[in-house]
Amino acid sequence: TISQDDAPRPAAGKPAAAGDAPPAMKKQSGYLHHNAQNRELARAMVESDPATAGLGAQERNQAVMKKLAAMWGELDAAQKQAFADDAPLVAVKPRKAKKGAAK
Protein backbone atom coordinates (compact mmCIF):
# COMPACT_ATOMS: atom_id res chain seq x y z
CA THR A 1 0.00 0.00 0.00
CA ILE A 2 1.03 3.61 -0.56
CA SER A 3 1.11 5.88 2.45
CA GLN A 4 0.85 9.66 2.54
CA ASP A 5 4.65 9.84 2.70
CA ASP A 6 5.01 7.90 -0.56
CA ALA A 7 2.48 9.93 -2.56
CA PRO A 8 3.91 12.11 -5.34
CA ARG A 9 4.28 15.77 -4.44
CA PRO A 10 4.63 18.83 -6.62
CA ALA A 11 8.20 19.97 -7.08
CA ALA A 12 9.34 22.63 -4.64
CA GLY A 13 9.45 26.15 -6.04
CA LYS A 14 6.97 25.49 -8.84
CA PRO A 15 3.61 27.22 -8.65
CA ALA A 16 0.50 25.07 -8.39
CA ALA A 17 -1.58 24.61 -11.51
CA ALA A 18 -4.07 27.40 -12.16
CA GLY A 19 -7.07 25.16 -11.47
CA ASP A 20 -5.78 23.94 -8.09
CA ALA A 21 -6.15 27.11 -6.03
CA PRO A 22 -9.40 28.97 -5.48
CA PRO A 23 -9.52 32.30 -7.32
CA ALA A 24 -8.23 35.33 -5.46
CA MET A 25 -11.09 37.46 -4.17
CA LYS A 26 -11.36 41.14 -3.34
CA LYS A 27 -14.19 43.40 -2.28
CA GLN A 28 -15.89 45.30 -5.09
CA SER A 29 -15.71 49.07 -4.77
CA GLY A 30 -18.73 50.92 -3.46
CA TYR A 31 -18.97 52.89 -6.71
CA LEU A 32 -19.13 49.75 -8.87
CA HIS A 33 -21.62 48.14 -6.49
CA HIS A 34 -23.79 51.29 -6.68
CA ASN A 35 -23.63 51.21 -10.48
CA ALA A 36 -24.60 47.53 -10.61
CA GLN A 37 -27.54 48.11 -8.27
CA ASN A 38 -28.83 51.21 -10.09
CA ARG A 39 -28.01 50.53 -13.76
CA GLU A 40 -31.59 49.57 -14.71
CA LEU A 41 -32.99 52.68 -13.01
CA ALA A 42 -30.46 54.91 -14.79
CA ARG A 43 -31.20 53.20 -18.12
CA ALA A 44 -34.94 53.76 -17.64
CA MET A 45 -34.34 57.41 -16.76
CA VAL A 46 -32.21 57.95 -19.88
CA GLU A 47 -34.67 56.15 -22.17
CA SER A 48 -37.62 58.16 -20.83
CA ASP A 49 -35.81 61.49 -21.36
CA PRO A 50 -36.89 63.09 -24.67
CA ALA A 51 -33.45 64.71 -25.04
CA THR A 52 -31.77 61.28 -25.30
CA ALA A 53 -34.49 59.53 -27.34
CA GLY A 54 -32.64 59.77 -30.66
CA LEU A 55 -29.22 58.63 -29.44
CA GLY A 56 -27.44 55.61 -30.84
CA ALA A 57 -26.44 52.66 -28.66
CA GLN A 58 -22.97 53.99 -27.79
CA GLU A 59 -24.20 57.48 -26.95
CA ARG A 60 -27.10 56.04 -24.93
CA ASN A 61 -24.67 53.88 -22.91
CA GLN A 62 -22.50 56.94 -22.27
CA ALA A 63 -25.59 58.82 -21.07
CA VAL A 64 -26.40 55.95 -18.68
CA MET A 65 -22.84 56.06 -17.29
CA LYS A 66 -23.08 59.84 -16.84
CA LYS A 67 -26.42 59.41 -15.07
CA LEU A 68 -24.91 56.79 -12.74
CA ALA A 69 -21.99 59.11 -11.97
CA ALA A 70 -24.40 61.96 -11.23
CA MET A 71 -26.46 59.69 -8.95
CA TRP A 72 -23.27 58.66 -7.10
CA GLY A 73 -22.23 62.30 -6.73
CA GLU A 74 -25.57 63.15 -5.11
CA LEU A 75 -24.98 60.64 -2.29
CA ASP A 76 -23.53 61.76 1.03
CA ALA A 77 -20.53 60.05 2.61
CA ALA A 78 -22.66 57.75 4.79
CA GLN A 79 -24.65 56.49 1.80
CA LYS A 80 -21.45 55.89 -0.18
CA GLN A 81 -20.00 53.99 2.77
CA ALA A 82 -23.15 51.85 2.95
CA PHE A 83 -22.60 50.78 -0.67
CA ALA A 84 -18.95 50.04 0.09
CA ASP A 85 -19.94 47.95 3.12
CA ASP A 86 -22.57 45.98 1.17
CA ALA A 87 -20.32 45.35 -1.85
CA PRO A 88 -19.75 41.65 -2.63
CA LEU A 89 -16.47 39.83 -3.06
CA VAL A 90 -15.48 39.39 -6.69
CA ALA A 91 -12.85 37.20 -8.32
CA VAL A 92 -9.60 38.93 -9.25
CA LYS A 93 -8.64 38.32 -12.86
CA PRO A 94 -4.99 37.36 -13.37
CA ARG A 95 -2.94 40.08 -15.00
CA LYS A 96 -1.58 39.51 -18.46
CA ALA A 97 2.19 39.60 -18.88
CA LYS A 98 3.52 42.83 -20.34
CA LYS A 99 4.70 42.64 -23.94
CA GLY A 100 8.22 43.86 -23.22
CA ALA A 101 8.77 41.59 -20.17
CA ALA A 102 9.45 38.34 -22.05
CA LYS A 103 12.81 38.64 -23.78
C-alpha atoms as a PDB file:
ATOM      1  CA  THR A   1       0.000   0.000   0.000  1.00  0.00           C
ATOM      2  CA  ILE A   2       1.035   3.611  -0.557  1.00  0.00           C
ATOM      3  CA  SER A   3       1.114   5.878   2.454  1.00  0.00           C
ATOM      4  CA  GLN A   4       0.851   9.656   2.541  1.00  0.00           C
ATOM      5  CA  ASP A   5       4.646   9.842   2.698  1.00  0.00           C
ATOM      6  CA  ASP A   6       5.014   7.897  -0.557  1.00  0.00           C
ATOM      7  CA  ALA A   7       2.475   9.932  -2.560  1.00  0.00           C
ATOM      8  CA  PRO A   8       3.909  12.109  -5.340  1.00  0.00           C
ATOM      9  CA  ARG A   9       4.279  15.766  -4.436  1.00  0.00           C
ATOM     10  CA  PRO A  10       4.625  18.832  -6.617  1.00  0.00           C
ATOM     11  CA  ALA A  11       8.205  19.973  -7.080  1.00  0.00           C
ATOM     12  CA  ALA A  12       9.338  22.629  -4.644  1.00  0.00           C
ATOM     13  CA  GLY A  13       9.455  26.150  -6.042  1.00  0.00           C
ATOM     14  CA  LYS A  14       6.971  25.490  -8.836  1.00  0.00           C
ATOM     15  CA  PRO A  15       3.605  27.223  -8.647  1.00  0.00           C
ATOM     16  CA  ALA A  16       0.499  25.071  -8.394  1.00  0.00           C
ATOM     17  CA  ALA A  17      -1.579  24.613 -11.511  1.00  0.00           C
ATOM     18  CA  ALA A  18      -4.072  27.398 -12.165  1.00  0.00           C
ATOM     19  CA  GLY A  19      -7.067  25.157 -11.470  1.00  0.00           C
ATOM     20  CA  ASP A  20      -5.779  23.938  -8.093  1.00  0.00           C
ATOM     21  CA  ALA A  21      -6.147  27.111  -6.025  1.00  0.00           C
ATOM     22  CA  PRO A  22      -9.403  28.965  -5.479  1.00  0.00           C
ATOM     23  CA  PRO A  23      -9.517  32.300  -7.320  1.00  0.00           C
ATOM     24  CA  ALA A  24      -8.234  35.329  -5.459  1.00  0.00           C
ATOM     25  CA  MET A  25     -11.090  37.459  -4.174  1.00  0.00           C
ATOM     26  CA  LYS A  26     -11.364  41.141  -3.342  1.00  0.00           C
ATOM     27  CA  LYS A  27     -14.186  43.396  -2.278  1.00  0.00           C
ATOM     28  CA  GLN A  28     -15.886  45.298  -5.094  1.00  0.00           C
ATOM     29  CA  SER A  29     -15.706  49.074  -4.770  1.00  0.00           C
ATOM     30  CA  GLY A  30     -18.732  50.917  -3.458  1.00  0.00           C
ATOM     31  CA  TYR A  31     -18.966  52.887  -6.713  1.00  0.00           C
ATOM     32  CA  LEU A  32     -19.126  49.751  -8.873  1.00  0.00           C
ATOM     33  CA  HIS A  33     -21.623  48.138  -6.492  1.00  0.00           C
ATOM     34  CA  HIS A  34     -23.794  51.288  -6.680  1.00  0.00           C
ATOM     35  CA  ASN A  35     -23.628  51.207 -10.476  1.00  0.00           C
ATOM     36  CA  ALA A  36     -24.597  47.532 -10.611  1.00  0.00           C
ATOM     37  CA  GLN A  37     -27.544  48.105  -8.266  1.00  0.00           C
ATOM     38  CA  ASN A  38     -28.832  51.207 -10.088  1.00  0.00           C
ATOM     39  CA  ARG A  39     -28.013  50.534 -13.756  1.00  0.00           C
ATOM     40  CA  GLU A  40     -31.591  49.568 -14.710  1.00  0.00           C
ATOM     41  CA  LEU A  41     -32.993  52.683 -13.013  1.00  0.00           C
ATOM     42  CA  ALA A  42     -30.463  54.912 -14.786  1.00  0.00           C
ATOM     43  CA  ARG A  43     -31.200  53.204 -18.122  1.00  0.00           C
ATOM     44  CA  ALA A  44     -34.941  53.757 -17.643  1.00  0.00           C
ATOM     45  CA  MET A  45     -34.341  57.411 -16.760  1.00  0.00           C
ATOM     46  CA  VAL A  46     -32.206  57.951 -19.875  1.00  0.00           C
ATOM     47  CA  GLU A  47     -34.666  56.148 -22.168  1.00  0.00           C
ATOM     48  CA  SER A  48     -37.619  58.162 -20.834  1.00  0.00           C
ATOM     49  CA  ASP A  49     -35.814  61.490 -21.356  1.00  0.00           C
ATOM     50  CA  PRO A  50     -36.887  63.093 -24.673  1.00  0.00           C
ATOM     51  CA  ALA A  51     -33.452  64.707 -25.043  1.00  0.00           C
ATOM     52  CA  THR A  52     -31.775  61.281 -25.296  1.00  0.00           C
ATOM     53  CA  ALA A  53     -34.487  59.531 -27.343  1.00  0.00           C
ATOM     54  CA  GLY A  54     -32.638  59.766 -30.665  1.00  0.00           C
ATOM     55  CA  LEU A  55     -29.224  58.630 -29.442  1.00  0.00           C
ATOM     56  CA  GLY A  56     -27.442  55.609 -30.837  1.00  0.00           C
ATOM     57  CA  ALA A  57     -26.436  52.658 -28.661  1.00  0.00           C
ATOM     58  CA  GLN A  58     -22.972  53.989 -27.792  1.00  0.00           C
ATOM     59  CA  GLU A  59     -24.201  57.476 -26.950  1.00  0.00           C
ATOM     60  CA  ARG A  60     -27.102  56.041 -24.933  1.00  0.00           C
ATOM     61  CA  ASN A  61     -24.672  53.884 -22.912  1.00  0.00           C
ATOM     62  CA  GLN A  62     -22.499  56.941 -22.271  1.00  0.00           C
ATOM     63  CA  ALA A  63     -25.587  58.818 -21.075  1.00  0.00           C
ATOM     64  CA  VAL A  64     -26.396  55.946 -18.683  1.00  0.00           C
ATOM     65  CA  MET A  65     -22.840  56.064 -17.289  1.00  0.00           C
ATOM     66  CA  LYS A  66     -23.084  59.844 -16.845  1.00  0.00           C
ATOM     67  CA  LYS A  67     -26.423  59.413 -15.070  1.00  0.00           C
ATOM     68  CA  LEU A  68     -24.912  56.785 -12.737  1.00  0.00           C
ATOM     69  CA  ALA A  69     -21.990  59.105 -11.974  1.00  0.00           C
ATOM     70  CA  ALA A  70     -24.399  61.958 -11.225  1.00  0.00           C
ATOM     71  CA  MET A  71     -26.462  59.693  -8.949  1.00  0.00           C
ATOM     72  CA  TRP A  72     -23.265  58.660  -7.099  1.00  0.00           C
ATOM     73  CA  GLY A  73     -22.230  62.296  -6.732  1.00  0.00           C
ATOM     74  CA  GLU A  74     -25.565  63.150  -5.112  1.00  0.00           C
ATOM     75  CA  LEU A  75     -24.985  60.639  -2.293  1.00  0.00           C
ATOM     76  CA  ASP A  76     -23.528  61.757   1.027  1.00  0.00           C
ATOM     77  CA  ALA A  77     -20.528  60.053   2.614  1.00  0.00           C
ATOM     78  CA  ALA A  78     -22.656  57.752   4.792  1.00  0.00           C
ATOM     79  CA  GLN A  79     -24.650  56.491   1.797  1.00  0.00           C
ATOM     80  CA  LYS A  80     -21.450  55.887  -0.180  1.00  0.00           C
ATOM     81  CA  GLN A  81     -20.000  53.989   2.770  1.00  0.00           C
ATOM     82  CA  ALA A  82     -23.145  51.848   2.953  1.00  0.00           C
ATOM     83  CA  PHE A  83     -22.603  50.778  -0.674  1.00  0.00           C
ATOM     84  CA  ALA A  84     -18.954  50.039   0.087  1.00  0.00           C
ATOM     85  CA  ASP A  85     -19.936  47.946   3.122  1.00  0.00           C
ATOM     86  CA  ASP A  86     -22.569  45.981   1.168  1.00  0.00           C
ATOM     87  CA  ALA A  87     -20.318  45.349  -1.847  1.00  0.00           C
ATOM     88  CA  PRO A  88     -19.753  41.654  -2.631  1.00  0.00           C
ATOM     89  CA  LEU A  89     -16.472  39.827  -3.056  1.00  0.00           C
ATOM     90  CA  VAL A  90     -15.482  39.391  -6.692  1.00  0.00           C
ATOM     91  CA  ALA A  91     -12.845  37.201  -8.319  1.00  0.00           C
ATOM     92  CA  VAL A  92      -9.603  38.930  -9.254  1.00  0.00           C
ATOM     93  CA  LYS A  93      -8.643  38.318 -12.857  1.00  0.00           C
ATOM     94  CA  PRO A  94      -4.991  37.363 -13.368  1.00  0.00           C
ATOM     95  CA  ARG A  95      -2.940  40.076 -15.002  1.00  0.00           C
ATOM     96  CA  LYS A  96      -1.575  39.507 -18.457  1.00  0.00           C
ATOM     97  CA  ALA A  97       2.188  39.604 -18.880  1.00  0.00           C
ATOM     98  CA  LYS A  98       3.519  42.828 -20.338  1.00  0.00           C
ATOM     99  CA  LYS A  99       4.696  42.643 -23.940  1.00  0.00           C
ATOM    100  CA  GLY A 100       8.215  43.855 -23.219  1.00  0.00           C
ATOM    101  CA  ALA A 101       8.770  41.595 -20.171  1.00  0.00           C
ATOM    102  CA  ALA A 102       9.450  38.337 -22.053  1.00  0.00           C
ATOM    103  CA  LYS A 103      12.814  38.644 -23.783  1.00  0.00           C
END
